[in-house]
Amino acid sequence: MTQEAIQEIIRKQRNYFYTGATLNIDFRITALKKLQTSIQSHQEQINAALKSDLGKSSFESYMCESGLVLSEITYMLKHIRSYAKIKRRSAPLTQFPAKNFIIPEPYGMVLIMSP
C-alpha cells in the first residue's frame, strides 16, 4: 500500500466522521455487531495467521487474541447505552443559573493496518 493510498483512506474516513454518522448509538452498536460477526466468521483464518506468524495454537489464539476481543465487544454491547447517556453535573454558584452536562461522543477515527 502506498503512502498516497493511505492518505486517501484517511481523508475519506475523516470526511465520513465529520458527517456525524458515528454519533448515533445504534450506528455504534451495528458496527460492533459487524466486527463481532466478522471475527467469528473468520476465526479459522485468524488462527492460521497467528499460527504462521507467531506459532500460536488455535486454543492459544482464541484465548489470548480473538476471544479477548469478542469478550470486550460483548461487554461494550451490554453497557454502551449507559456509557453514552448524558450526565448532569452541578454548576458553581457563580455561574447560576447555568446547567452543566457531560455528553460522551466519539473522538475521531482510527486507521488499523496489517500486512
N, C-alpha and C. Protein backbone atom coordinates (compact mmCIF):
# COMPACT_ATOMS: atom_id res chain seq x y z
N MET A 1 0.85 -1.17 0.00
CA MET A 1 0.00 0.00 0.00
C MET A 1 0.90 1.24 0.00
N THR A 2 0.62 2.16 -0.87
CA THR A 2 1.46 3.35 -1.00
C THR A 2 1.05 4.42 0.01
N GLN A 3 1.93 5.36 0.20
CA GLN A 3 1.66 6.48 1.11
C GLN A 3 0.44 7.27 0.63
N GLU A 4 0.31 7.44 -0.67
CA GLU A 4 -0.83 8.19 -1.23
C GLU A 4 -2.15 7.46 -0.97
N ALA A 5 -2.13 6.14 -1.10
CA ALA A 5 -3.34 5.35 -0.86
C ALA A 5 -3.76 5.45 0.61
N ILE A 6 -2.78 5.40 1.50
CA ILE A 6 -3.07 5.52 2.93
C ILE A 6 -3.67 6.90 3.23
N GLN A 7 -3.07 7.94 2.66
CA GLN A 7 -3.58 9.30 2.87
C GLN A 7 -5.00 9.45 2.34
N GLU A 8 -5.31 8.81 1.23
CA GLU A 8 -6.66 8.86 0.66
C GLU A 8 -7.67 8.17 1.57
N ILE A 9 -7.29 7.02 2.12
CA ILE A 9 -8.18 6.32 3.05
C ILE A 9 -8.44 7.19 4.28
N ILE A 10 -7.39 7.79 4.82
CA ILE A 10 -7.53 8.65 5.99
C ILE A 10 -8.44 9.83 5.68
N ARG A 11 -8.25 10.45 4.51
CA ARG A 11 -9.09 11.59 4.12
C ARG A 11 -10.56 11.19 4.04
N LYS A 12 -10.83 10.05 3.41
CA LYS A 12 -12.22 9.58 3.28
C LYS A 12 -12.83 9.28 4.65
N GLN A 13 -12.06 8.66 5.53
CA GLN A 13 -12.57 8.34 6.86
C GLN A 13 -12.85 9.61 7.67
N ARG A 14 -11.97 10.59 7.57
CA ARG A 14 -12.21 11.86 8.28
C ARG A 14 -13.47 12.55 7.77
N ASN A 15 -13.62 12.57 6.45
CA ASN A 15 -14.83 13.18 5.88
C ASN A 15 -16.08 12.47 6.36
N TYR A 16 -16.04 11.14 6.42
CA TYR A 16 -17.19 10.38 6.90
C TYR A 16 -17.46 10.68 8.37
N PHE A 17 -16.41 10.73 9.18
CA PHE A 17 -16.58 11.03 10.61
C PHE A 17 -17.22 12.41 10.79
N TYR A 18 -16.79 13.38 10.01
CA TYR A 18 -17.30 14.74 10.16
C TYR A 18 -18.76 14.88 9.71
N THR A 19 -19.33 13.87 9.05
CA THR A 19 -20.75 13.91 8.71
C THR A 19 -21.62 13.72 9.95
N GLY A 20 -21.04 13.18 11.03
CA GLY A 20 -21.79 12.96 12.26
C GLY A 20 -22.49 11.61 12.31
N ALA A 21 -22.27 10.76 11.33
CA ALA A 21 -22.95 9.46 11.28
C ALA A 21 -22.57 8.57 12.46
N THR A 22 -21.38 8.73 13.00
CA THR A 22 -20.93 7.86 14.09
C THR A 22 -21.43 8.29 15.46
N LEU A 23 -22.15 9.40 15.55
CA LEU A 23 -22.66 9.86 16.83
C LEU A 23 -23.84 9.02 17.32
N ASN A 24 -24.58 8.44 16.43
CA ASN A 24 -25.77 7.66 16.77
C ASN A 24 -25.37 6.37 17.48
N ILE A 25 -26.00 6.09 18.62
CA ILE A 25 -25.70 4.88 19.39
C ILE A 25 -26.02 3.63 18.57
N ASP A 26 -27.12 3.65 17.84
CA ASP A 26 -27.49 2.48 17.04
C ASP A 26 -26.44 2.19 15.97
N PHE A 27 -25.84 3.23 15.41
CA PHE A 27 -24.75 3.04 14.45
C PHE A 27 -23.57 2.33 15.11
N ARG A 28 -23.23 2.76 16.31
CA ARG A 28 -22.09 2.16 17.02
C ARG A 28 -22.38 0.71 17.38
N ILE A 29 -23.61 0.42 17.79
CA ILE A 29 -23.99 -0.95 18.11
C ILE A 29 -23.90 -1.83 16.86
N THR A 30 -24.40 -1.33 15.75
CA THR A 30 -24.33 -2.07 14.49
C THR A 30 -22.88 -2.33 14.09
N ALA A 31 -22.02 -1.34 14.24
CA ALA A 31 -20.60 -1.51 13.90
C ALA A 31 -19.94 -2.57 14.79
N LEU A 32 -20.25 -2.56 16.07
CA LEU A 32 -19.68 -3.56 16.97
C LEU A 32 -20.18 -4.96 16.62
N LYS A 33 -21.46 -5.08 16.29
CA LYS A 33 -22.01 -6.38 15.92
C LYS A 33 -21.40 -6.89 14.61
N LYS A 34 -21.15 -5.99 13.66
CA LYS A 34 -20.49 -6.38 12.41
C LYS A 34 -19.07 -6.87 12.69
N LEU A 35 -18.35 -6.18 13.55
CA LEU A 35 -16.99 -6.59 13.91
C LEU A 35 -17.02 -7.95 14.59
N GLN A 36 -17.97 -8.14 15.50
CA GLN A 36 -18.11 -9.41 16.21
C GLN A 36 -18.38 -10.55 15.23
N THR A 37 -19.30 -10.33 14.31
CA THR A 37 -19.64 -11.35 13.31
C THR A 37 -18.45 -11.65 12.41
N SER A 38 -17.73 -10.62 12.03
CA SER A 38 -16.57 -10.80 11.16
C SER A 38 -15.48 -11.62 11.84
N ILE A 39 -15.22 -11.33 13.09
CA ILE A 39 -14.21 -12.10 13.83
C ILE A 39 -14.65 -13.55 13.95
N GLN A 40 -15.91 -13.77 14.29
CA GLN A 40 -16.40 -15.13 14.44
C GLN A 40 -16.37 -15.91 13.12
N SER A 41 -16.73 -15.26 12.03
CA SER A 41 -16.78 -15.95 10.75
C SER A 41 -15.39 -16.19 10.15
N HIS A 42 -14.40 -15.43 10.59
CA HIS A 42 -13.04 -15.59 10.07
C HIS A 42 -12.09 -16.18 11.11
N GLN A 43 -12.64 -16.85 12.10
CA GLN A 43 -11.83 -17.38 13.20
C GLN A 43 -10.74 -18.33 12.70
N GLU A 44 -11.08 -19.18 11.73
CA GLU A 44 -10.09 -20.13 11.22
C GLU A 44 -8.92 -19.41 10.53
N GLN A 45 -9.22 -18.36 9.76
CA GLN A 45 -8.16 -17.61 9.09
C GLN A 45 -7.30 -16.85 10.12
N ILE A 46 -7.94 -16.33 11.16
CA ILE A 46 -7.20 -15.64 12.21
C ILE A 46 -6.26 -16.62 12.91
N ASN A 47 -6.78 -17.80 13.23
CA ASN A 47 -5.96 -18.83 13.88
C ASN A 47 -4.79 -19.22 12.99
N ALA A 48 -5.05 -19.40 11.70
CA ALA A 48 -3.99 -19.78 10.76
C ALA A 48 -2.91 -18.70 10.68
N ALA A 49 -3.33 -17.44 10.65
CA ALA A 49 -2.37 -16.34 10.57
C ALA A 49 -1.53 -16.26 11.84
N LEU A 50 -2.15 -16.44 13.00
CA LEU A 50 -1.41 -16.41 14.25
C LEU A 50 -0.47 -17.62 14.37
N LYS A 51 -0.88 -18.75 13.83
CA LYS A 51 -0.02 -19.94 13.81
C LYS A 51 1.20 -19.68 12.93
N SER A 52 0.94 -19.12 11.75
CA SER A 52 2.01 -18.85 10.79
C SER A 52 2.97 -17.77 11.29
N ASP A 53 2.44 -16.70 11.84
CA ASP A 53 3.28 -15.57 12.27
C ASP A 53 3.96 -15.79 13.61
N LEU A 54 3.19 -16.32 14.58
CA LEU A 54 3.69 -16.38 15.95
C LEU A 54 3.79 -17.79 16.52
N GLY A 55 3.34 -18.78 15.74
CA GLY A 55 3.41 -20.16 16.20
C GLY A 55 2.39 -20.50 17.28
N LYS A 56 1.30 -19.74 17.35
CA LYS A 56 0.28 -19.98 18.38
C LYS A 56 -0.67 -21.09 17.95
N SER A 57 -1.08 -21.91 18.90
CA SER A 57 -2.07 -22.94 18.63
C SER A 57 -3.44 -22.29 18.51
N SER A 58 -4.40 -23.03 18.00
CA SER A 58 -5.77 -22.49 17.86
C SER A 58 -6.34 -22.09 19.21
N PHE A 59 -6.10 -22.94 20.22
CA PHE A 59 -6.60 -22.64 21.55
C PHE A 59 -5.98 -21.35 22.09
N GLU A 60 -4.66 -21.24 21.96
CA GLU A 60 -3.97 -20.03 22.44
C GLU A 60 -4.40 -18.80 21.65
N SER A 61 -4.60 -18.95 20.35
CA SER A 61 -5.05 -17.84 19.52
C SER A 61 -6.40 -17.31 20.00
N TYR A 62 -7.30 -18.24 20.29
CA TYR A 62 -8.62 -17.81 20.74
C TYR A 62 -8.55 -17.20 22.13
N MET A 63 -7.87 -17.88 23.06
CA MET A 63 -7.83 -17.42 24.45
C MET A 63 -7.08 -16.09 24.62
N CYS A 64 -6.02 -15.89 23.86
CA CYS A 64 -5.17 -14.70 24.06
C CYS A 64 -5.43 -13.58 23.06
N GLU A 65 -6.12 -13.86 21.99
CA GLU A 65 -6.31 -12.84 20.95
C GLU A 65 -7.80 -12.59 20.68
N SER A 66 -8.39 -13.40 19.83
CA SER A 66 -9.76 -13.14 19.38
C SER A 66 -10.79 -13.32 20.49
N GLY A 67 -10.58 -14.26 21.39
CA GLY A 67 -11.53 -14.44 22.49
C GLY A 67 -11.62 -13.21 23.37
N LEU A 68 -10.49 -12.60 23.62
CA LEU A 68 -10.48 -11.38 24.44
C LEU A 68 -11.22 -10.24 23.75
N VAL A 69 -11.00 -10.11 22.45
CA VAL A 69 -11.68 -9.05 21.69
C VAL A 69 -13.18 -9.30 21.68
N LEU A 70 -13.59 -10.54 21.45
CA LEU A 70 -15.02 -10.87 21.45
C LEU A 70 -15.65 -10.62 22.82
N SER A 71 -14.91 -10.90 23.87
CA SER A 71 -15.39 -10.64 25.23
C SER A 71 -15.59 -9.14 25.46
N GLU A 72 -14.64 -8.33 25.00
CA GLU A 72 -14.75 -6.88 25.15
C GLU A 72 -15.92 -6.32 24.33
N ILE A 73 -16.12 -6.86 23.12
CA ILE A 73 -17.23 -6.41 22.29
C ILE A 73 -18.55 -6.73 22.98
N THR A 74 -18.67 -7.93 23.53
CA THR A 74 -19.89 -8.32 24.25
C THR A 74 -20.14 -7.39 25.43
N TYR A 75 -19.08 -7.08 26.16
CA TYR A 75 -19.20 -6.16 27.30
C TYR A 75 -19.67 -4.77 26.85
N MET A 76 -19.07 -4.27 25.77
CA MET A 76 -19.45 -2.95 25.27
C MET A 76 -20.90 -2.94 24.77
N LEU A 77 -21.31 -3.99 24.08
CA LEU A 77 -22.70 -4.06 23.61
C LEU A 77 -23.67 -4.04 24.78
N LYS A 78 -23.29 -4.66 25.87
CA LYS A 78 -24.16 -4.69 27.06
C LYS A 78 -24.24 -3.33 27.75
N HIS A 79 -23.15 -2.56 27.72
CA HIS A 79 -23.08 -1.33 28.50
C HIS A 79 -23.07 -0.04 27.68
N ILE A 80 -23.10 -0.12 26.37
CA ILE A 80 -22.90 1.07 25.54
C ILE A 80 -23.96 2.15 25.79
N ARG A 81 -25.19 1.75 25.99
CA ARG A 81 -26.24 2.76 26.20
C ARG A 81 -26.02 3.54 27.50
N SER A 82 -25.59 2.86 28.55
CA SER A 82 -25.35 3.58 29.81
C SER A 82 -24.10 4.46 29.70
N TYR A 83 -23.10 4.01 28.95
CA TYR A 83 -21.90 4.83 28.76
C TYR A 83 -22.20 6.09 27.95
N ALA A 84 -23.17 6.02 27.05
CA ALA A 84 -23.46 7.13 26.16
C ALA A 84 -24.49 8.10 26.72
N LYS A 85 -25.05 7.82 27.89
CA LYS A 85 -26.06 8.71 28.46
C LYS A 85 -25.45 10.07 28.83
N ILE A 86 -26.26 11.08 28.67
CA ILE A 86 -25.85 12.43 29.08
C ILE A 86 -25.89 12.48 30.60
N LYS A 87 -24.81 12.96 31.19
CA LYS A 87 -24.72 13.03 32.65
C LYS A 87 -24.77 14.48 33.10
N ARG A 88 -25.65 14.77 34.01
CA ARG A 88 -25.79 16.12 34.53
C ARG A 88 -24.79 16.35 35.65
N ARG A 89 -24.18 17.52 35.65
CA ARG A 89 -23.24 17.92 36.69
C ARG A 89 -23.68 19.28 37.24
N SER A 90 -23.42 19.47 38.51
CA SER A 90 -23.82 20.74 39.12
C SER A 90 -22.88 21.86 38.67
N ALA A 91 -23.46 23.04 38.57
CA ALA A 91 -22.69 24.24 38.18
C ALA A 91 -22.31 25.01 39.44
N PRO A 92 -21.17 25.69 39.40
CA PRO A 92 -20.81 26.52 40.55
C PRO A 92 -21.82 27.65 40.75
N LEU A 93 -21.95 28.11 41.96
CA LEU A 93 -22.90 29.18 42.29
C LEU A 93 -22.62 30.44 41.47
N THR A 94 -21.36 30.68 41.12
CA THR A 94 -21.00 31.87 40.36
C THR A 94 -21.55 31.84 38.94
N GLN A 95 -21.95 30.66 38.47
CA GLN A 95 -22.48 30.54 37.12
C GLN A 95 -23.99 30.30 37.11
N PHE A 96 -24.67 30.61 38.21
CA PHE A 96 -26.11 30.47 38.30
C PHE A 96 -26.76 31.28 37.20
N PRO A 97 -27.70 30.82 36.50
CA PRO A 97 -28.49 29.59 36.54
C PRO A 97 -28.03 28.56 35.51
N ALA A 98 -26.75 28.42 35.31
CA ALA A 98 -26.22 27.51 34.29
C ALA A 98 -26.56 26.05 34.62
N LYS A 99 -26.61 25.25 33.56
CA LYS A 99 -26.78 23.80 33.70
C LYS A 99 -25.60 23.15 32.99
N ASN A 100 -24.94 22.23 33.66
CA ASN A 100 -23.77 21.56 33.09
C ASN A 100 -24.09 20.10 32.77
N PHE A 101 -23.55 19.64 31.65
CA PHE A 101 -23.75 18.26 31.23
C PHE A 101 -22.45 17.71 30.68
N ILE A 102 -22.29 16.41 30.82
CA ILE A 102 -21.21 15.69 30.13
C ILE A 102 -21.90 14.87 29.06
N ILE A 103 -21.48 15.09 27.81
CA ILE A 103 -22.07 14.38 26.68
C ILE A 103 -20.98 13.53 26.04
N PRO A 104 -20.99 12.20 26.31
CA PRO A 104 -19.97 11.33 25.70
C PRO A 104 -20.15 11.24 24.19
N GLU A 105 -19.06 11.45 23.44
CA GLU A 105 -19.09 11.39 21.98
C GLU A 105 -17.80 10.76 21.48
N PRO A 106 -17.83 10.15 20.28
CA PRO A 106 -16.58 9.62 19.70
C PRO A 106 -15.59 10.75 19.44
N TYR A 107 -14.31 10.46 19.67
CA TYR A 107 -13.26 11.45 19.44
C TYR A 107 -12.87 11.60 17.98
N GLY A 108 -12.88 10.52 17.25
CA GLY A 108 -12.39 10.60 15.89
C GLY A 108 -12.34 9.23 15.23
N MET A 109 -11.30 9.02 14.44
CA MET A 109 -11.18 7.79 13.68
C MET A 109 -9.83 7.15 13.91
N VAL A 110 -9.73 5.87 13.52
CA VAL A 110 -8.51 5.11 13.70
C VAL A 110 -8.21 4.37 12.40
N LEU A 111 -6.96 4.34 12.00
CA LEU A 111 -6.54 3.56 10.84
C LEU A 111 -5.76 2.37 11.36
N ILE A 112 -6.27 1.16 11.11
CA ILE A 112 -5.59 -0.05 11.52
C ILE A 112 -5.04 -0.71 10.26
N MET A 113 -3.73 -0.94 10.26
CA MET A 113 -3.08 -1.55 9.08
C MET A 113 -2.43 -2.86 9.50
N SER A 114 -2.48 -3.81 8.62
CA SER A 114 -1.80 -5.07 8.85
C SER A 114 -1.30 -5.61 7.51
N PRO A 115 -0.29 -6.45 7.55
CA PRO A 115 0.25 -6.98 6.27
C PRO A 115 -0.74 -7.92 5.60
